Amino acid sequence: MTKHLRSAVRRISLILLALTLAACGSAERGDNSTPDPGATLNTANMISTETLDPHMIQNELVYLLSAPYLAYDQLFVLGPDGAPQGRLVEKWSVSEDGLRVTMKLREDASFRDGSSLDAAVVVANLERARTLPSPLIKSQMAAVVGSEVTAPYEVVVTLGGPTPILPYLLAGGAGYIMNPVLFREGDPATQTDGSGAYRVESFSPRERVSYVRDRDDYWDRAAGKFARLVHRSIPDATALANAFASGQADIGQMQPSEVSSLTRRSDITLHRAGASYAMELYLNFSEGPLTDQKVRQAVNHACDRRAVVDVMFPGSEPRWQQARAGLPGFDPALEEIYPYDVERARALLTEAGYPGGVELGEVLVSSSAPQGLEDVLTQQLAAAGIKITTRRVDALQAYQFWNEGRNAGLISYSSYGMEYGLGASYRWNLRQPGTMPAEFTTLLTAASDSRLPDAERDKGYRKVSDYLARQALSAPLVWVSYPWPTSDRVIGFDPATRNYNRNVGPHDYRHVAVAAR
């Protein structure tokens, strides 16, 4: 991309961003309306879950977008500051050695058959999550040795080492609590039986899920303000924007580059939420030229992150490291560690033995990435003498293909995770072909010690961030700030308060209401 083209694109993007922010700053329309308890809340996104079973999910974020918290209560949630808060857990404590976590449960949660959500139920769920062969949750639960009932509403979880991740882990898929009758006699993949105010009415994997409120004795009296929620997956970005414009969708998440058609509408408010989602160029450093650190550094210098933001993710921020500003592990010294510098990239290739440039091979592109992103990156890399070919693959299959280790790279989303150590382990131990260097494991293990003061743990996490950045084990690109359109029927959605946390983002509609038409 030429300097003049980048400049023009930036000017256009700034105009669009200004319009978007103007919409974001407007008062939330509908807040003064009367909630309609019989209304339907229509949500939409580009992707939806393939299973309702929280222990069998392939991706935490995809599952969360499908609103499982309406049917299931979690043991923990994340608050606006990204720290864990109890939901089913009223209070918890950690033993001095960091190996035992005692959780006291609330006593007013129940299932539809009248049975209590007690300690025995929680242990049954935790043991299932820990032992069931699954794509994601079993590996996340590897830190858990076992759990036991120590009182009717008290559970003690034993850990294999002193780690702070348990409350964060149990704010995700492992912490959704089902009625054990469901996973003993029913089909959790297509049915729900939780302690929430809603049950699943219908489910079409990866397409549509509908929840209906079917009880008035739910313990959280502030929740359950609408009769039904219908979530649809609309993979085409233009069709998704049209769904909001036509009133078929009331709330959801969109690609930053696709909201321009909504910015001037008086019946739609656009909210911006800077959560810890990121776009990344994953690198297979176990094979071929990318085993050389200098080649990986050349790739990083060849990426014009600011142009990527301007063209594909307006309103977002360039990404340089594992942690976003404001979260543990963020190191200001790593910002702009690899400035856009084509000449420096070429010099590094020459030092690595590729004076005429290098061909890396095929790079996978997740279908969740904006159309055209691969073209922008291919052109940027080519300008520095780095050649790639790209192939788009289904978003839910992308990591499966990537982990087979046959591709040079993957263009896809990554996440900080609910907690730094948990997110780093997920990204680098589960989402990277081959074996991670021993130094990474040593640094992460040392930092992930619950006995450390918070400041010391943060210092350790920054060492991990420094190692990943200086080794150039990937090319982080963008911290994505997603636009969240809401129709004028939505009441109580505010990403700056209870619906939003810095780690995951505004996905919880438990306390949202819908105004009458």
Protein backbone atom coordinates (compact mmCIF):
# COMPACT_ATOMS: atom_id res chain seq x y z
CA MET A 1 0.00 0.00 0.00
CA THR A 2 1.43 3.38 -1.02
CA LYS A 3 1.95 6.25 1.38
CA HIS A 4 -0.68 8.34 -0.45
CA LEU A 5 -3.24 5.53 -0.38
CA ARG A 6 -2.67 4.94 3.33
CA SER A 7 -3.11 8.66 3.98
CA ALA A 8 -6.37 8.77 2.02
CA VAL A 9 -7.71 5.69 3.75
CA ARG A 10 -6.84 7.15 7.13
CA ARG A 11 -8.74 10.38 6.34
CA ILE A 12 -11.83 8.43 5.27
CA SER A 13 -11.59 6.17 8.32
CA LEU A 14 -11.31 9.13 10.68
CA ILE A 15 -14.48 10.63 9.19
CA LEU A 16 -16.32 7.33 9.65
CA LEU A 17 -14.97 6.99 13.17
CA ALA A 18 -16.10 10.50 14.06
CA LEU A 19 -19.62 9.68 12.91
CA THR A 20 -19.55 6.45 14.87
CA LEU A 21 -18.32 8.12 18.06
CA ALA A 22 -20.97 10.78 17.70
CA ALA A 23 -23.56 8.03 17.65
CA CYS A 24 -21.85 6.32 20.57
CA GLY A 25 -22.01 9.48 22.62
CA SER A 26 -25.72 9.96 22.17
CA ALA A 27 -28.09 9.18 25.01
CA GLU A 28 -29.27 5.58 25.09
CA ARG A 29 -32.63 5.67 23.35
CA GLY A 30 -35.31 3.66 25.08
CA ASP A 31 -34.00 4.07 28.65
CA ASN A 32 -37.12 6.06 29.55
CA SER A 33 -39.44 3.51 27.95
CA THR A 34 -41.44 0.96 29.88
CA PRO A 35 -40.03 -2.59 29.65
CA ASP A 36 -42.28 -5.13 27.96
CA PRO A 37 -41.98 -8.44 29.87
CA GLY A 38 -43.62 -10.24 26.97
CA ALA A 39 -41.16 -8.98 24.34
CA THR A 40 -38.60 -10.87 22.28
CA LEU A 41 -34.98 -9.71 22.22
CA ASN A 42 -33.41 -10.47 18.83
CA THR A 43 -29.63 -10.80 18.86
CA ALA A 44 -27.29 -11.43 15.96
CA ASN A 45 -23.65 -12.10 15.25
CA MET A 46 -21.55 -13.58 12.47
CA ILE A 47 -21.16 -16.92 14.22
CA SER A 48 -23.00 -19.15 16.68
CA THR A 49 -22.25 -22.24 18.74
CA GLU A 50 -22.35 -25.83 17.47
CA THR A 51 -23.30 -27.28 20.87
CA LEU A 52 -25.22 -26.22 23.95
CA ASP A 53 -23.04 -28.40 26.17
CA PRO A 54 -20.76 -25.99 28.06
CA HIS A 55 -18.18 -28.71 28.61
CA MET A 56 -17.90 -29.57 24.90
CA ILE A 57 -17.41 -26.12 23.41
CA GLN A 58 -14.56 -25.42 21.00
CA ASN A 59 -14.41 -21.68 21.61
CA GLU A 60 -15.40 -19.76 24.76
CA LEU A 61 -16.29 -16.55 22.92
CA VAL A 62 -18.47 -18.20 20.28
CA TYR A 63 -20.37 -20.02 23.01
CA LEU A 64 -20.80 -16.85 25.05
CA LEU A 65 -22.24 -14.97 22.08
CA SER A 66 -25.06 -17.54 22.00
CA ALA A 67 -26.32 -16.44 25.48
CA PRO A 68 -25.97 -19.67 27.53
CA TYR A 69 -26.09 -17.64 30.76
CA LEU A 70 -29.86 -17.32 30.27
CA ALA A 71 -30.25 -21.05 30.90
CA TYR A 72 -27.27 -21.74 33.16
CA ASP A 73 -25.85 -19.94 36.14
CA GLN A 74 -22.06 -19.78 36.44
CA LEU A 75 -20.08 -20.22 39.60
CA PHE A 76 -18.29 -16.94 38.87
CA VAL A 77 -18.54 -14.01 36.46
CA LEU A 78 -16.09 -11.26 35.58
CA GLY A 79 -16.82 -7.77 36.81
CA PRO A 80 -16.36 -4.46 34.95
CA ASP A 81 -12.70 -4.35 36.03
CA GLY A 82 -12.10 -7.87 34.69
CA ALA A 83 -11.78 -9.38 38.19
CA PRO A 84 -13.83 -12.44 39.22
CA GLN A 85 -17.04 -12.05 41.18
CA GLY A 86 -19.17 -14.81 42.63
CA ARG A 87 -22.53 -15.67 41.07
CA LEU A 88 -23.46 -19.07 42.45
CA VAL A 89 -20.47 -18.70 44.78
CA GLU A 90 -21.19 -16.29 47.63
CA LYS A 91 -17.63 -16.27 48.99
CA TRP A 92 -14.41 -18.17 48.50
CA SER A 93 -11.01 -18.53 50.11
CA VAL A 94 -7.63 -20.03 49.18
CA SER A 95 -5.45 -22.10 51.51
CA GLU A 96 -2.05 -20.78 52.53
CA ASP A 97 -0.26 -23.22 50.21
CA GLY A 98 -2.49 -22.18 47.30
CA LEU A 99 -3.67 -25.75 46.65
CA ARG A 100 -7.23 -25.72 48.06
CA VAL A 101 -10.03 -23.33 47.13
CA THR A 102 -13.10 -23.38 49.39
CA MET A 103 -16.33 -22.12 47.79
CA LYS A 104 -19.49 -21.31 49.77
CA LEU A 105 -22.55 -21.53 47.49
CA ARG A 106 -25.73 -19.49 47.57
CA GLU A 107 -28.63 -21.59 48.85
CA ASP A 108 -31.57 -20.20 46.85
CA ALA A 109 -30.69 -21.51 43.37
CA SER A 110 -32.73 -24.46 42.12
CA PHE A 111 -33.66 -26.46 39.05
CA ARG A 112 -37.10 -26.82 37.45
CA ASP A 113 -37.69 -30.23 38.96
CA GLY A 114 -37.48 -28.63 42.40
CA SER A 115 -34.03 -29.97 43.25
CA SER A 116 -31.45 -27.68 44.85
CA LEU A 117 -28.26 -26.54 43.21
CA ASP A 118 -26.11 -27.73 46.09
CA ALA A 119 -22.52 -28.82 46.61
CA ALA A 120 -23.15 -32.34 45.28
CA VAL A 121 -24.48 -30.88 42.02
CA VAL A 122 -21.46 -28.59 41.64
CA VAL A 123 -19.00 -31.45 42.28
CA ALA A 124 -20.78 -33.62 39.69
CA ASN A 125 -20.41 -30.83 37.13
CA LEU A 126 -16.77 -30.10 37.96
CA GLU A 127 -15.80 -33.76 37.78
CA ARG A 128 -17.54 -34.08 34.41
CA ALA A 129 -15.76 -30.97 33.11
CA ARG A 130 -12.44 -32.29 34.40
CA THR A 131 -12.70 -35.80 32.93
CA LEU A 132 -14.93 -35.62 29.84
CA PRO A 133 -12.89 -35.89 26.60
CA SER A 134 -13.51 -32.46 25.13
CA PRO A 135 -11.92 -30.00 22.67
CA LEU A 136 -11.16 -27.30 25.24
CA ILE A 137 -12.52 -27.59 28.77
CA LYS A 138 -10.65 -30.73 29.86
CA SER A 139 -7.30 -29.15 29.03
CA GLN A 140 -8.32 -25.95 30.86
CA MET A 141 -9.27 -28.04 33.89
CA ALA A 142 -5.88 -29.76 33.96
CA ALA A 143 -4.93 -27.57 36.93
CA VAL A 144 -7.73 -29.19 38.98
CA VAL A 145 -6.89 -32.45 40.77
CA GLY A 146 -10.37 -32.99 42.20
CA SER A 147 -13.33 -31.52 44.09
CA GLU A 148 -15.28 -32.65 47.14
CA VAL A 149 -18.38 -31.83 49.15
CA THR A 150 -17.43 -30.54 52.60
CA ALA A 151 -20.88 -29.25 53.62
CA PRO A 152 -24.33 -29.19 51.91
CA TYR A 153 -23.44 -25.89 50.20
CA GLU A 154 -19.65 -25.94 50.40
CA VAL A 155 -17.17 -27.31 47.85
CA VAL A 156 -13.40 -27.62 48.13
CA VAL A 157 -11.43 -27.76 44.88
CA THR A 158 -7.91 -29.18 45.03
CA LEU A 159 -5.32 -27.84 42.58
CA GLY A 160 -2.14 -29.45 41.29
CA GLY A 161 -0.18 -26.27 41.95
CA PRO A 162 -0.68 -22.78 43.36
CA THR A 163 -2.43 -20.97 40.51
CA PRO A 164 -4.83 -17.98 40.53
CA ILE A 165 -6.88 -19.19 37.54
CA LEU A 166 -9.72 -21.13 39.20
CA PRO A 167 -12.29 -18.31 39.63
CA TYR A 168 -11.55 -17.12 36.08
CA LEU A 169 -11.80 -20.67 34.75
CA LEU A 170 -15.15 -21.17 36.48
CA ALA A 171 -16.45 -17.95 34.93
CA GLY A 172 -16.18 -19.78 31.59
CA GLY A 173 -17.53 -23.03 30.19
CA ALA A 174 -16.27 -25.13 33.09
CA GLY A 175 -18.34 -23.07 35.53
CA TYR A 176 -21.79 -23.37 33.94
CA ILE A 177 -23.82 -25.66 36.20
CA MET A 178 -26.27 -28.16 34.70
CA ASN A 179 -28.81 -30.35 36.42
CA PRO A 180 -26.93 -33.68 36.56
CA VAL A 181 -30.10 -35.39 35.31
CA LEU A 182 -29.44 -33.74 31.93
CA PHE A 183 -25.97 -35.18 31.38
CA ARG A 184 -26.92 -38.55 32.90
CA GLU A 185 -30.17 -39.11 31.02
CA GLY A 186 -30.54 -36.36 28.40
CA ASP A 187 -28.54 -34.67 25.64
CA PRO A 188 -26.70 -31.51 26.79
CA ALA A 189 -25.64 -30.83 23.20
CA THR A 190 -29.21 -29.95 22.17
CA GLN A 191 -31.09 -29.44 25.46
CA THR A 192 -30.69 -27.28 28.55
CA ASP A 193 -31.62 -27.85 32.18
CA GLY A 194 -30.12 -25.18 34.37
CA SER A 195 -31.04 -22.91 37.24
CA GLY A 196 -31.52 -19.87 34.99
CA ALA A 197 -34.80 -18.12 34.21
CA TYR A 198 -34.85 -19.49 30.65
CA ARG A 199 -34.71 -22.81 28.83
CA VAL A 200 -33.80 -23.48 25.21
CA GLU A 201 -36.91 -23.57 23.06
CA SER A 202 -35.20 -24.54 19.80
CA PHE A 203 -31.65 -24.97 18.55
CA SER A 204 -30.09 -25.27 15.11
CA PRO A 205 -26.31 -25.72 15.49
CA ARG A 206 -24.29 -22.77 14.15
CA GLU A 207 -27.46 -21.07 12.91
CA ARG A 208 -30.05 -20.21 15.55
CA VAL A 209 -30.92 -20.67 19.20
CA SER A 210 -34.10 -19.53 20.93
CA TYR A 211 -34.59 -19.17 24.71
CA VAL A 212 -37.94 -18.80 26.48
CA ARG A 213 -38.55 -17.61 30.04
CA ASP A 214 -40.40 -20.42 31.82
CA ARG A 215 -40.16 -19.64 35.54
CA ASP A 216 -40.95 -16.80 37.91
CA ASP A 217 -39.00 -18.11 40.91
CA TYR A 218 -35.50 -17.31 39.64
CA TRP A 219 -33.25 -16.10 42.44
CA ASP A 220 -31.96 -13.01 40.59
CA ARG A 221 -35.03 -10.78 40.58
CA ALA A 222 -33.27 -8.16 38.45
CA ALA A 223 -32.90 -10.60 35.54
CA GLY A 224 -35.41 -12.17 33.15
CA LYS A 225 -36.99 -8.95 31.89
CA PHE A 226 -38.03 -10.27 28.46
CA ALA A 227 -40.03 -13.35 27.47
CA ARG A 228 -37.80 -14.71 24.74
CA LEU A 229 -34.36 -14.27 23.20
CA VAL A 230 -33.63 -15.38 19.65
CA HIS A 231 -29.99 -15.44 18.56
CA ARG A 232 -29.15 -15.82 14.86
CA SER A 233 -25.87 -16.35 13.09
CA ILE A 234 -25.55 -14.15 10.00
CA PRO A 235 -22.11 -14.87 8.50
CA ASP A 236 -22.30 -12.19 5.80
CA ALA A 237 -21.32 -8.77 7.19
CA THR A 238 -23.58 -6.82 4.82
CA ALA A 239 -26.56 -9.03 5.62
CA LEU A 240 -25.83 -8.56 9.32
CA ALA A 241 -25.85 -4.77 8.96
CA ASN A 242 -29.12 -5.03 7.01
CA ALA A 243 -30.65 -7.07 9.84
CA PHE A 244 -30.03 -4.18 12.24
CA ALA A 245 -31.20 -1.59 9.73
CA SER A 246 -34.47 -3.46 9.09
CA GLY A 247 -35.22 -4.10 12.76
CA GLN A 248 -34.67 -7.86 12.56
CA ALA A 249 -31.85 -7.58 15.12
CA ASP A 250 -31.94 -5.52 18.34
CA ILE A 251 -28.43 -6.05 19.66
CA GLY A 252 -25.19 -7.77 18.62
CA GLN A 253 -21.59 -7.41 17.57
CA MET A 254 -20.33 -6.25 14.17
CA GLN A 255 -17.05 -5.90 12.34
CA PRO A 256 -15.61 -2.37 12.73
CA SER A 257 -15.39 -1.91 8.97
CA GLU A 258 -19.07 -2.73 8.37
CA VAL A 259 -20.98 -0.19 10.49
CA SER A 260 -20.86 2.89 8.26
CA SER A 261 -24.41 2.24 7.00
CA LEU A 262 -25.73 2.47 10.58
CA THR A 263 -23.92 5.54 11.88
CA ARG A 264 -26.56 8.14 10.96
CA ARG A 265 -29.65 6.17 11.93
CA SER A 266 -31.70 7.77 14.70
CA ASP A 267 -33.16 4.40 15.76
CA ILE A 268 -29.77 2.72 16.36
CA THR A 269 -27.11 3.48 18.96
CA LEU A 270 -23.54 2.30 18.32
CA HIS A 271 -21.50 1.40 21.38
CA ARG A 272 -17.74 0.83 21.27
CA ALA A 273 -16.16 -1.80 23.51
CA GLY A 274 -12.41 -2.27 23.72
CA ALA A 275 -12.22 -5.81 25.10
CA SER A 276 -9.26 -8.15 24.77
CA TYR A 277 -10.10 -9.58 21.36
CA ALA A 278 -7.25 -9.35 18.89
CA MET A 279 -6.40 -10.09 15.30
CA GLU A 280 -3.14 -11.95 14.92
CA LEU A 281 -0.90 -13.49 12.29
CA TYR A 282 0.01 -16.80 13.92
CA LEU A 283 3.42 -18.12 12.85
CA ASN A 284 4.50 -21.76 12.67
CA PHE A 285 7.97 -21.33 14.17
CA SER A 286 8.51 -25.10 14.29
CA GLU A 287 8.93 -25.51 10.52
CA GLY A 288 10.74 -23.94 7.56
CA PRO A 289 12.17 -20.41 7.42
CA LEU A 290 10.09 -19.31 10.41
CA THR A 291 12.30 -21.34 12.74
CA ASP A 292 14.71 -18.39 12.38
CA GLN A 293 13.97 -15.55 14.80
CA LYS A 294 15.21 -12.98 12.28
CA VAL A 295 12.67 -14.12 9.69
CA ARG A 296 9.89 -13.82 12.27
CA GLN A 297 11.13 -10.34 13.21
CA ALA A 298 11.16 -9.43 9.52
CA VAL A 299 7.51 -10.48 9.26
CA ASN A 300 6.68 -8.20 12.19
CA HIS A 301 8.51 -5.22 10.70
CA ALA A 302 6.75 -5.81 7.36
CA CYS A 303 3.28 -5.48 8.89
CA ASP A 304 1.92 -1.94 8.77
CA ARG A 305 -0.42 -2.31 11.74
CA ARG A 306 -1.76 1.23 11.59
CA ALA A 307 -2.79 0.77 7.96
CA VAL A 308 -4.48 -2.53 8.90
CA VAL A 309 -6.41 -0.71 11.62
CA ASP A 310 -7.40 2.14 9.29
CA VAL A 311 -8.53 -0.13 6.46
CA MET A 312 -10.04 -3.12 8.26
CA PHE A 313 -10.68 -2.17 11.91
CA PRO A 314 -11.48 1.57 12.19
CA GLY A 315 -11.68 2.73 15.79
CA SER A 316 -9.41 -0.07 17.03
CA GLU A 317 -5.76 -0.03 18.17
CA PRO A 318 -2.52 -1.57 16.85
CA ARG A 319 -1.40 -4.57 18.88
CA TRP A 320 2.20 -5.35 19.84
CA GLN A 321 2.03 -7.76 22.78
CA GLN A 322 0.11 -10.41 24.71
CA ALA A 323 -1.75 -8.02 27.06
CA ARG A 324 -3.88 -4.97 26.35
CA ALA A 325 -3.25 -1.75 28.25
CA GLY A 326 -4.97 -1.75 31.63
CA LEU A 327 -4.71 -5.51 32.17
CA PRO A 328 -2.06 -7.57 34.01
CA GLY A 329 0.98 -8.39 31.87
CA PHE A 330 0.89 -5.20 29.80
CA ASP A 331 4.35 -3.65 29.37
CA PRO A 332 4.51 -0.08 27.97
CA ALA A 333 8.09 -0.74 26.84
CA LEU A 334 6.83 -3.26 24.27
CA GLU A 335 4.54 -0.86 22.45
CA GLU A 336 5.72 -0.37 18.86
CA ILE A 337 8.55 -2.87 19.39
CA TYR A 338 8.38 -3.63 15.66
CA PRO A 339 7.67 -0.35 13.84
CA TYR A 340 6.68 -0.64 10.22
CA ASP A 341 10.04 -0.70 8.40
CA VAL A 342 10.35 -2.47 5.06
CA GLU A 343 14.09 -1.84 4.80
CA ARG A 344 14.72 -3.28 8.24
CA ALA A 345 12.64 -6.33 7.30
CA ARG A 346 14.73 -6.86 4.16
CA ALA A 347 17.98 -6.46 6.13
CA LEU A 348 16.84 -9.11 8.63
CA LEU A 349 16.03 -11.51 5.78
CA THR A 350 19.50 -10.96 4.35
CA GLU A 351 21.06 -11.68 7.76
CA ALA A 352 19.00 -14.87 7.91
CA GLY A 353 20.32 -16.00 4.53
CA TYR A 354 17.49 -14.83 2.28
CA PRO A 355 18.88 -11.77 0.43
CA GLY A 356 16.42 -12.26 -2.43
CA GLY A 357 13.41 -12.67 -0.19
CA VAL A 358 11.70 -15.72 1.23
CA GLU A 359 8.65 -17.85 0.44
CA LEU A 360 6.87 -18.98 3.59
CA GLY A 361 4.09 -21.11 2.06
CA GLU A 362 0.37 -21.29 2.75
CA VAL A 363 -1.29 -19.19 5.43
CA LEU A 364 -4.78 -20.16 6.59
CA VAL A 365 -7.37 -17.40 6.98
CA SER A 366 -10.26 -17.90 9.39
CA SER A 367 -13.65 -17.06 7.91
CA SER A 368 -14.20 -14.85 10.98
CA ALA A 369 -11.53 -12.44 9.71
CA PRO A 370 -12.84 -9.50 7.62
CA GLN A 371 -12.87 -10.10 3.89
CA GLY A 372 -9.83 -8.52 2.29
CA LEU A 373 -7.55 -8.65 5.33
CA GLU A 374 -5.47 -11.38 3.74
CA ASP A 375 -4.99 -9.22 0.63
CA VAL A 376 -3.73 -6.29 2.72
CA LEU A 377 -1.27 -8.49 4.62
CA THR A 378 -0.10 -10.33 1.50
CA GLN A 379 0.74 -7.00 -0.16
CA GLN A 380 2.51 -5.65 2.92
CA LEU A 381 4.66 -8.76 3.30
CA ALA A 382 5.44 -8.88 -0.42
CA ALA A 383 6.81 -5.33 -0.28
CA ALA A 384 9.48 -6.66 2.11
CA GLY A 385 10.24 -9.73 -0.01
CA ILE A 386 8.10 -12.16 2.01
CA LYS A 387 5.77 -14.26 -0.13
CA ILE A 388 2.73 -16.12 1.19
CA THR A 389 -0.34 -17.76 -0.31
CA THR A 390 -3.63 -17.71 1.59
CA ARG A 391 -6.62 -20.02 1.91
CA ARG A 392 -9.87 -19.20 3.72
CA VAL A 393 -11.28 -21.90 5.99
CA ASP A 394 -14.30 -22.21 8.24
CA ALA A 395 -13.78 -20.38 11.55
CA LEU A 396 -14.62 -23.40 13.71
CA GLN A 397 -12.24 -25.64 11.73
CA ALA A 398 -9.40 -23.14 11.41
CA TYR A 399 -7.61 -24.13 14.62
CA GLN A 400 -8.01 -27.82 13.87
CA PHE A 401 -6.20 -27.33 10.54
CA TRP A 402 -3.66 -25.00 12.13
CA ASN A 403 -2.73 -27.44 14.87
CA GLU A 404 -1.90 -30.09 12.28
CA GLY A 405 1.26 -28.04 11.64
CA ARG A 406 1.23 -28.08 7.85
CA ASN A 407 0.76 -24.33 7.34
CA ALA A 408 3.17 -21.43 7.74
CA GLY A 409 0.63 -19.24 9.44
CA LEU A 410 -2.94 -18.49 10.38
CA ILE A 411 -4.77 -15.17 10.24
CA SER A 412 -7.37 -15.30 12.98
CA TYR A 413 -8.58 -13.91 16.26
CA SER A 414 -6.86 -14.53 19.54
CA SER A 415 -7.69 -13.37 23.04
CA TYR A 416 -5.99 -12.28 26.20
CA GLY A 417 -8.32 -14.72 27.93
CA MET A 418 -10.18 -14.27 31.19
CA GLU A 419 -6.85 -14.19 33.08
CA TYR A 420 -3.33 -13.71 31.74
CA GLY A 421 -1.91 -17.13 32.70
CA LEU A 422 -5.04 -18.96 31.53
CA GLY A 423 -5.12 -17.02 28.25
CA ALA A 424 -1.41 -17.44 27.56
CA SER A 425 -1.55 -21.17 28.20
CA TYR A 426 -4.61 -21.49 25.94
CA ARG A 427 -3.06 -19.46 23.12
CA TRP A 428 0.42 -20.96 23.16
CA ASN A 429 -0.04 -24.50 24.44
CA LEU A 430 -3.33 -25.31 22.69
CA ARG A 431 -3.30 -23.02 19.65
CA GLN A 432 0.26 -23.49 18.42
CA PRO A 433 1.68 -26.43 16.44
CA GLY A 434 4.68 -28.15 17.97
CA THR A 435 6.10 -27.71 21.45
CA MET A 436 6.63 -24.35 23.10
CA PRO A 437 10.22 -23.47 24.10
CA ALA A 438 11.13 -24.46 27.64
CA GLU A 439 11.85 -20.83 28.55
CA PHE A 440 8.21 -19.89 27.92
CA THR A 441 6.97 -22.68 30.19
CA THR A 442 9.43 -21.75 32.92
CA LEU A 443 8.46 -18.07 32.84
CA LEU A 444 4.72 -18.72 32.77
CA THR A 445 4.86 -21.30 35.56
CA ALA A 446 6.86 -18.96 37.78
CA ALA A 447 4.48 -16.06 37.17
CA SER A 448 1.28 -18.10 37.62
CA ASP A 449 1.71 -18.63 41.35
CA SER A 450 -1.28 -17.62 43.47
CA ARG A 451 0.95 -17.13 46.50
CA LEU A 452 2.64 -14.16 44.85
CA PRO A 453 1.42 -10.63 45.58
CA ASP A 454 -0.49 -9.18 42.65
CA ALA A 455 2.35 -6.79 41.79
CA GLU A 456 4.88 -9.64 41.64
CA ARG A 457 2.59 -11.79 39.53
CA ASP A 458 2.10 -8.88 37.12
CA LYS A 459 5.87 -8.47 36.92
CA GLY A 460 6.18 -12.15 36.02
CA TYR A 461 3.48 -11.88 33.38
CA ARG A 462 5.30 -8.91 31.85
CA LYS A 463 8.38 -11.12 31.54
CA VAL A 464 6.27 -13.59 29.56
CA SER A 465 5.00 -10.77 27.33
CA ASP A 466 8.57 -9.59 26.80
CA TYR A 467 9.75 -13.08 25.85
CA LEU A 468 6.92 -13.64 23.35
CA ALA A 469 7.45 -10.22 21.74
CA ARG A 470 11.24 -10.33 21.46
CA GLN A 471 11.21 -13.86 20.11
CA ALA A 472 8.57 -12.71 17.59
CA LEU A 473 6.70 -15.99 17.97
CA SER A 474 3.75 -14.41 16.17
CA ALA A 475 2.78 -11.10 14.61
CA PRO A 476 0.09 -9.45 16.78
CA LEU A 477 -1.85 -7.01 14.64
CA VAL A 478 -4.89 -5.31 16.16
CA TRP A 479 -6.73 -4.96 19.47
CA VAL A 480 -10.25 -4.94 18.06
CA SER A 481 -12.80 -2.49 19.43
CA TYR A 482 -16.10 -3.88 18.22
CA PRO A 483 -19.16 -1.77 17.50
CA TRP A 484 -22.29 -3.01 19.29
CA PRO A 485 -25.46 -1.71 17.61
CA THR A 486 -28.61 -1.56 19.74
CA SER A 487 -32.08 -0.71 18.50
CA ASP A 488 -34.20 1.92 20.23
CA ARG A 489 -36.10 -0.94 21.90
CA VAL A 490 -33.13 -2.01 24.04
CA ILE A 491 -33.11 -0.74 27.62
CA GLY A 492 -30.19 -0.97 30.02
CA PHE A 493 -27.29 -1.98 27.77
CA ASP A 494 -24.22 0.00 28.78
CA PRO A 495 -20.75 -1.37 27.94
CA ALA A 496 -19.20 1.04 30.44
CA THR A 497 -20.86 -0.62 33.44
CA ARG A 498 -22.30 -3.99 34.31
CA ASN A 499 -22.57 -5.44 30.80
CA TYR A 500 -18.90 -4.96 30.05
CA ASN A 501 -15.58 -6.18 31.34
CA ARG A 502 -12.16 -5.52 29.88
CA ASN A 503 -11.29 -9.19 29.44
CA VAL A 504 -14.28 -10.59 27.58
CA GLY A 505 -16.60 -7.77 26.61
CA PRO A 506 -20.34 -6.97 26.64
CA HIS A 507 -22.00 -10.33 26.03
CA ASP A 508 -24.32 -10.69 29.03
CA TYR A 509 -27.92 -9.62 28.39
CA ARG A 510 -29.30 -10.98 31.68
CA HIS A 511 -30.30 -7.53 32.92
CA VAL A 512 -31.27 -5.96 29.59
CA ALA A 513 -34.95 -5.17 28.94
CA VAL A 514 -36.98 -4.56 25.78
CA ALA A 515 -39.39 -1.68 25.27
CA ALA A 516 -42.79 -2.17 23.73
CA ARG A 517 -42.99 -1.44 20.02
